[in-house]
């Protein structure tokens, strides 16, 4: 897919940004190549070779009309995560590696639900925070809403799957014969 200046794109490692320029540059190669200049939040700039965009995983931001599918996904039951932390870390990394929006939604849902049952370790917490930030930003960009609105919507969707705790007894009545 060929992108143009002004397009919003997602890099699997660096997240959501906007193409601000297409420029011929020469870095380490012998001949100049065409690059997308992608500006990310916090004014980080990526230079991605046009002919390597597929290899880099660069993709368009998720379309607005696809968000209903992802709303359903975030409300759906989670997939239990493996107990072994090393294996779990590898599984989560492999789900996130392609950089798909679906993968981000699934990982955020599954880690969030897992954290409701048992506190997450440092690695899982870091993965959840990074993935959640990427999800929030792409959602806000796709829906053309402020970031805070995307955060509220995603968090409320996740909360719909949280089980309500059983009511605690107010007092105990002991009857003796």
C-alpha atoms as a PDB file:
ATOM      1  CA  UNK A   1       0.000   0.000   0.000  1.00  0.00           C
ATOM      2  CA  UNK A   2       1.324   3.416  -0.913  1.00  0.00           C
ATOM      3  CA  UNK A   3       0.869   6.117   1.718  1.00  0.00           C
ATOM      4  CA  UNK A   4       0.715   9.846   1.147  1.00  0.00           C
ATOM      5  CA  UNK A   5       1.551  12.919   3.181  1.00  0.00           C
ATOM      6  CA  UNK A   6      -1.052  13.420   5.909  1.00  0.00           C
ATOM      7  CA  UNK A   7      -1.883   9.711   6.322  1.00  0.00           C
ATOM      8  CA  UNK A   8      -1.982   8.318   9.839  1.00  0.00           C
ATOM      9  CA  UNK A   9      -0.018   5.082  10.149  1.00  0.00           C
ATOM     10  CA  UNK A  10       1.014   2.587  12.817  1.00  0.00           C
ATOM     11  CA  UNK A  11       4.496   1.154  13.265  1.00  0.00           C
ATOM     12  CA  UNK A  12       4.420  -2.139  15.241  1.00  0.00           C
ATOM     13  CA  UNK A  13       7.167  -1.039  17.630  1.00  0.00           C
ATOM     14  CA  UNK A  14       6.813   2.725  17.802  1.00  0.00           C
ATOM     15  CA  UNK A  15       3.032   3.173  17.499  1.00  0.00           C
ATOM     16  CA  UNK A  16       0.825   5.738  15.789  1.00  0.00           C
ATOM     17  CA  UNK A  17       2.186   8.662  13.813  1.00  0.00           C
ATOM     18  CA  UNK A  18       1.509  10.834  10.797  1.00  0.00           C
ATOM     19  CA  UNK A  19       3.385  10.932   7.511  1.00  0.00           C
ATOM     20  CA  UNK A  20       4.570  14.512   7.169  1.00  0.00           C
ATOM     21  CA  UNK A  21       6.937  14.162   4.228  1.00  0.00           C
ATOM     22  CA  UNK A  22       8.200  11.823   1.533  1.00  0.00           C
ATOM     23  CA  UNK A  23      11.822  12.538   0.854  1.00  0.00           C
ATOM     24  CA  UNK A  24      14.812  11.138  -0.973  1.00  0.00           C
ATOM     25  CA  UNK A  25      17.545  10.452   1.594  1.00  0.00           C
ATOM     26  CA  UNK A  26      20.852   8.687   1.722  1.00  0.00           C
ATOM     27  CA  UNK A  27      21.795   7.126   5.034  1.00  0.00           C
ATOM     28  CA  UNK A  28      24.118   4.101   4.954  1.00  0.00           C
ATOM     29  CA  UNK A  29      23.204   2.856   1.472  1.00  0.00           C
ATOM     30  CA  UNK A  30      25.135   3.821  -1.655  1.00  0.00           C
ATOM     31  CA  UNK A  31      22.216   5.319  -3.561  1.00  0.00           C
ATOM     32  CA  UNK A  32      19.510   7.599  -2.181  1.00  0.00           C
ATOM     33  CA  UNK A  33      16.112   6.011  -1.480  1.00  0.00           C
ATOM     34  CA  UNK A  34      12.643   7.397  -0.904  1.00  0.00           C
ATOM     35  CA  UNK A  35      11.578   7.515   2.736  1.00  0.00           C
ATOM     36  CA  UNK A  36       8.395   8.258   4.621  1.00  0.00           C
ATOM     37  CA  UNK A  37       9.025  10.791   7.369  1.00  0.00           C
ATOM     38  CA  UNK A  38       6.675   9.743  10.161  1.00  0.00           C
ATOM     39  CA  UNK A  39       6.246  11.962  13.219  1.00  0.00           C
ATOM     40  CA  UNK A  40       5.132  10.223  16.406  1.00  0.00           C
ATOM     41  CA  UNK A  41       3.891  11.747  19.661  1.00  0.00           C
ATOM     42  CA  UNK A  42       6.597  13.563  21.618  1.00  0.00           C
ATOM     43  CA  UNK A  43       7.965  14.689  18.230  1.00  0.00           C
ATOM     44  CA  UNK A  44       9.918  11.502  17.547  1.00  0.00           C
ATOM     45  CA  UNK A  45      10.680  11.129  13.834  1.00  0.00           C
ATOM     46  CA  UNK A  46      10.993   7.813  11.996  1.00  0.00           C
ATOM     47  CA  UNK A  47      12.434   7.464   8.503  1.00  0.00           C
ATOM     48  CA  UNK A  48      10.948   4.373   6.852  1.00  0.00           C
ATOM     49  CA  UNK A  49      12.078   3.330   3.366  1.00  0.00           C
ATOM     50  CA  UNK A  50       9.072   3.224   1.052  1.00  0.00           C
ATOM     51  CA  UNK A  51      10.134  -0.076  -0.516  1.00  0.00           C
ATOM     52  CA  UNK A  52      10.540  -1.632   2.959  1.00  0.00           C
ATOM     53  CA  UNK A  53       7.218  -0.523   4.436  1.00  0.00           C
ATOM     54  CA  UNK A  54       5.806  -4.063   4.376  1.00  0.00           C
ATOM     55  CA  UNK A  55       8.894  -5.500   6.044  1.00  0.00           C
ATOM     56  CA  UNK A  56       8.769  -2.762   8.686  1.00  0.00           C
ATOM     57  CA  UNK A  57       5.136  -3.602   9.488  1.00  0.00           C
ATOM     58  CA  UNK A  58       3.900  -0.095   8.709  1.00  0.00           C
ATOM     59  CA  UNK A  59       0.121  -0.149   8.318  1.00  0.00           C
ATOM     60  CA  UNK A  60      -2.730   2.355   8.135  1.00  0.00           C
ATOM     61  CA  UNK A  61      -4.559   3.314  11.322  1.00  0.00           C
ATOM     62  CA  UNK A  62      -7.563   1.086  11.972  1.00  0.00           C
ATOM     63  CA  UNK A  63     -10.619   2.312  10.080  1.00  0.00           C
ATOM     64  CA  UNK A  64     -13.429   3.946  12.042  1.00  0.00           C
ATOM     65  CA  UNK A  65     -15.961   1.423  10.707  1.00  0.00           C
ATOM     66  CA  UNK A  66     -13.921  -1.436  12.247  1.00  0.00           C
ATOM     67  CA  UNK A  67     -14.077  -0.109  15.816  1.00  0.00           C
ATOM     68  CA  UNK A  68     -17.421  -1.836  16.527  1.00  0.00           C
ATOM     69  CA  UNK A  69     -15.701  -5.199  15.969  1.00  0.00           C
ATOM     70  CA  UNK A  70     -12.998  -4.216  18.472  1.00  0.00           C
ATOM     71  CA  UNK A  71     -15.567  -2.967  20.972  1.00  0.00           C
ATOM     72  CA  UNK A  72     -17.060  -6.471  20.887  1.00  0.00           C
ATOM     73  CA  UNK A  73     -13.588  -7.981  21.254  1.00  0.00           C
ATOM     74  CA  UNK A  74     -12.786  -5.892  24.341  1.00  0.00           C
ATOM     75  CA  UNK A  75     -16.130  -6.951  25.882  1.00  0.00           C
ATOM     76  CA  UNK A  76     -15.590 -10.630  25.059  1.00  0.00           C
ATOM     77  CA  UNK A  77     -14.328 -13.209  27.578  1.00  0.00           C
ATOM     78  CA  UNK A  78     -10.577 -13.199  28.022  1.00  0.00           C
ATOM     79  CA  UNK A  79      -8.251 -16.009  27.034  1.00  0.00           C
ATOM     80  CA  UNK A  80      -6.540 -17.414  30.138  1.00  0.00           C
ATOM     81  CA  UNK A  81      -2.808 -16.752  30.185  1.00  0.00           C
ATOM     82  CA  UNK A  82      -0.256 -19.443  30.905  1.00  0.00           C
ATOM     83  CA  UNK A  83       1.020 -19.553  34.483  1.00  0.00           C
ATOM     84  CA  UNK A  84       4.707 -19.799  33.505  1.00  0.00           C
ATOM     85  CA  UNK A  85       5.902 -16.188  33.342  1.00  0.00           C
ATOM     86  CA  UNK A  86       8.642 -16.807  30.748  1.00  0.00           C
ATOM     87  CA  UNK A  87       6.302 -18.676  28.423  1.00  0.00           C
ATOM     88  CA  UNK A  88       3.592 -16.039  28.973  1.00  0.00           C
ATOM     89  CA  UNK A  89       6.023 -13.240  28.100  1.00  0.00           C
ATOM     90  CA  UNK A  90       6.970 -15.034  24.854  1.00  0.00           C
ATOM     91  CA  UNK A  91       3.317 -15.679  23.963  1.00  0.00           C
ATOM     92  CA  UNK A  92       2.355 -12.046  24.560  1.00  0.00           C
ATOM     93  CA  UNK A  93       5.345 -10.829  22.537  1.00  0.00           C
ATOM     94  CA  UNK A  94       4.405 -13.102  19.629  1.00  0.00           C
ATOM     95  CA  UNK A  95       0.825 -11.794  19.711  1.00  0.00           C
ATOM     96  CA  UNK A  96       2.088  -8.196  19.630  1.00  0.00           C
ATOM     97  CA  UNK A  97       4.910  -8.658  17.113  1.00  0.00           C
ATOM     98  CA  UNK A  98       2.784  -8.298  13.948  1.00  0.00           C
ATOM     99  CA  UNK A  99       1.551  -4.948  15.288  1.00  0.00           C
ATOM    100  CA  UNK A 100      -2.111  -5.652  14.584  1.00  0.00           C
ATOM    101  CA  UNK A 101      -4.874  -3.713  16.297  1.00  0.00           C
ATOM    102  CA  UNK A 102      -6.587  -7.007  17.122  1.00  0.00           C
ATOM    103  CA  UNK A 103      -3.445  -8.280  18.852  1.00  0.00           C
ATOM    104  CA  UNK A 104      -3.261  -5.121  20.960  1.00  0.00           C
ATOM    105  CA  UNK A 105      -6.939  -5.397  21.957  1.00  0.00           C
ATOM    106  CA  UNK A 106      -6.554  -9.064  22.916  1.00  0.00           C
ATOM    107  CA  UNK A 107      -3.401  -8.503  24.978  1.00  0.00           C
ATOM    108  CA  UNK A 108      -4.904  -5.514  26.810  1.00  0.00           C
ATOM    109  CA  UNK A 109      -8.115  -7.452  27.518  1.00  0.00           C
ATOM    110  CA  UNK A 110      -6.333 -10.619  28.677  1.00  0.00           C
ATOM    111  CA  UNK A 111      -3.759  -8.871  30.887  1.00  0.00           C
ATOM    112  CA  UNK A 112      -6.397  -6.557  32.364  1.00  0.00           C
ATOM    113  CA  UNK A 113      -8.654  -9.464  33.310  1.00  0.00           C
ATOM    114  CA  UNK A 114      -5.686 -11.443  34.627  1.00  0.00           C
ATOM    115  CA  UNK A 115      -4.768  -8.473  36.826  1.00  0.00           C
ATOM    116  CA  UNK A 116      -8.236  -8.487  38.370  1.00  0.00           C
ATOM    117  CA  UNK A 117      -7.676 -12.021  39.651  1.00  0.00           C
ATOM    118  CA  UNK A 118      -4.041 -11.738  40.704  1.00  0.00           C
ATOM    119  CA  UNK A 119      -1.585  -8.829  40.762  1.00  0.00           C
ATOM    120  CA  UNK A 120       0.526  -8.669  37.603  1.00  0.00           C
ATOM    121  CA  UNK A 121       4.302  -9.020  37.765  1.00  0.00           C
ATOM    122  CA  UNK A 122       6.669  -6.310  36.558  1.00  0.00           C
ATOM    123  CA  UNK A 123       6.991  -7.686  33.018  1.00  0.00           C
ATOM    124  CA  UNK A 124       3.231  -8.115  32.555  1.00  0.00           C
ATOM    125  CA  UNK A 125       2.574  -4.664  34.018  1.00  0.00           C
ATOM    126  CA  UNK A 126       5.088  -3.067  31.641  1.00  0.00           C
ATOM    127  CA  UNK A 127       3.604  -4.933  28.662  1.00  0.00           C
ATOM    128  CA  UNK A 128       0.083  -3.887  29.645  1.00  0.00           C
ATOM    129  CA  UNK A 129       1.035  -0.224  30.101  1.00  0.00           C
ATOM    130  CA  UNK A 130       2.908   0.025  26.791  1.00  0.00           C
ATOM    131  CA  UNK A 131       0.228  -1.847  24.841  1.00  0.00           C
ATOM    132  CA  UNK A 132      -2.578   0.107  26.483  1.00  0.00           C
ATOM    133  CA  UNK A 133      -0.930   3.433  25.556  1.00  0.00           C
ATOM    134  CA  UNK A 134      -0.591   2.311  21.928  1.00  0.00           C
ATOM    135  CA  UNK A 135      -4.201   1.122  21.887  1.00  0.00           C
ATOM    136  CA  UNK A 136      -5.481   4.391  23.370  1.00  0.00           C
ATOM    137  CA  UNK A 137      -3.607   6.505  20.837  1.00  0.00           C
ATOM    138  CA  UNK A 138      -4.637   4.488  17.785  1.00  0.00           C
ATOM    139  CA  UNK A 139      -8.269   4.359  18.988  1.00  0.00           C
ATOM    140  CA  UNK A 140      -8.339   8.131  19.480  1.00  0.00           C
ATOM    141  CA  UNK A 141      -6.802   8.682  16.043  1.00  0.00           C
ATOM    142  CA  UNK A 142      -9.190   6.252  14.351  1.00  0.00           C
ATOM    143  CA  UNK A 143     -12.287   7.667  16.052  1.00  0.00           C
ATOM    144  CA  UNK A 144     -11.091  11.294  15.733  1.00  0.00           C
ATOM    145  CA  UNK A 145     -11.712  11.870  19.429  1.00  0.00           C
ATOM    146  CA  UNK A 146      -9.518  13.341  22.169  1.00  0.00           C
ATOM    147  CA  UNK A 147      -7.216  10.827  23.843  1.00  0.00           C
ATOM    148  CA  UNK A 148      -9.121  11.091  27.132  1.00  0.00           C
ATOM    149  CA  UNK A 149     -12.345  10.006  25.370  1.00  0.00           C
ATOM    150  CA  UNK A 150     -10.617   6.948  23.898  1.00  0.00           C
ATOM    151  CA  UNK A 151      -9.234   6.057  27.335  1.00  0.00           C
ATOM    152  CA  UNK A 152     -12.696   6.334  28.927  1.00  0.00           C
ATOM    153  CA  UNK A 153     -14.336   4.230  26.223  1.00  0.00           C
ATOM    154  CA  UNK A 154     -11.746   1.443  26.250  1.00  0.00           C
ATOM    155  CA  UNK A 155     -11.671   1.282  30.045  1.00  0.00           C
ATOM    156  CA  UNK A 156     -15.476   1.153  30.249  1.00  0.00           C
ATOM    157  CA  UNK A 157     -15.575  -1.631  27.631  1.00  0.00           C
ATOM    158  CA  UNK A 158     -13.076  -3.647  29.658  1.00  0.00           C
ATOM    159  CA  UNK A 159     -15.038  -3.091  32.870  1.00  0.00           C
ATOM    160  CA  UNK A 160     -18.144  -4.698  31.347  1.00  0.00           C
ATOM    161  CA  UNK A 161     -16.365  -8.064  31.620  1.00  0.00           C
ATOM    162  CA  UNK A 162     -15.342  -7.614  35.251  1.00  0.00           C
ATOM    163  CA  UNK A 163     -17.297  -9.965  37.467  1.00  0.00           C
ATOM    164  CA  UNK A 164     -19.212  -8.302  40.234  1.00  0.00           C
ATOM    165  CA  UNK A 165     -18.168  -9.624  43.620  1.00  0.00           C
ATOM    166  CA  UNK A 166     -20.718 -11.510  45.662  1.00  0.00           C
ATOM    167  CA  UNK A 167     -22.291  -9.328  48.334  1.00  0.00           C
ATOM    168  CA  UNK A 168     -20.585  -9.672  51.697  1.00  0.00           C
ATOM    169  CA  UNK A 169     -22.750 -10.553  54.654  1.00  0.00           C
ATOM    170  CA  UNK A 170     -23.484  -7.572  56.858  1.00  0.00           C
ATOM    171  CA  UNK A 171     -23.564  -9.489  60.088  1.00  0.00           C
ATOM    172  CA  UNK A 172     -23.673 -12.996  61.340  1.00  0.00           C
ATOM    173  CA  UNK A 173     -26.648 -14.227  63.303  1.00  0.00           C
ATOM    174  CA  UNK A 174     -25.932 -17.227  65.437  1.00  0.00           C
ATOM    175  CA  UNK A 175     -28.908 -19.234  66.501  1.00  0.00           C
ATOM    176  CA  UNK A 176     -28.449 -21.577  69.386  1.00  0.00           C
ATOM    177  CA  UNK A 177     -30.913 -24.320  70.209  1.00  0.00           C
END
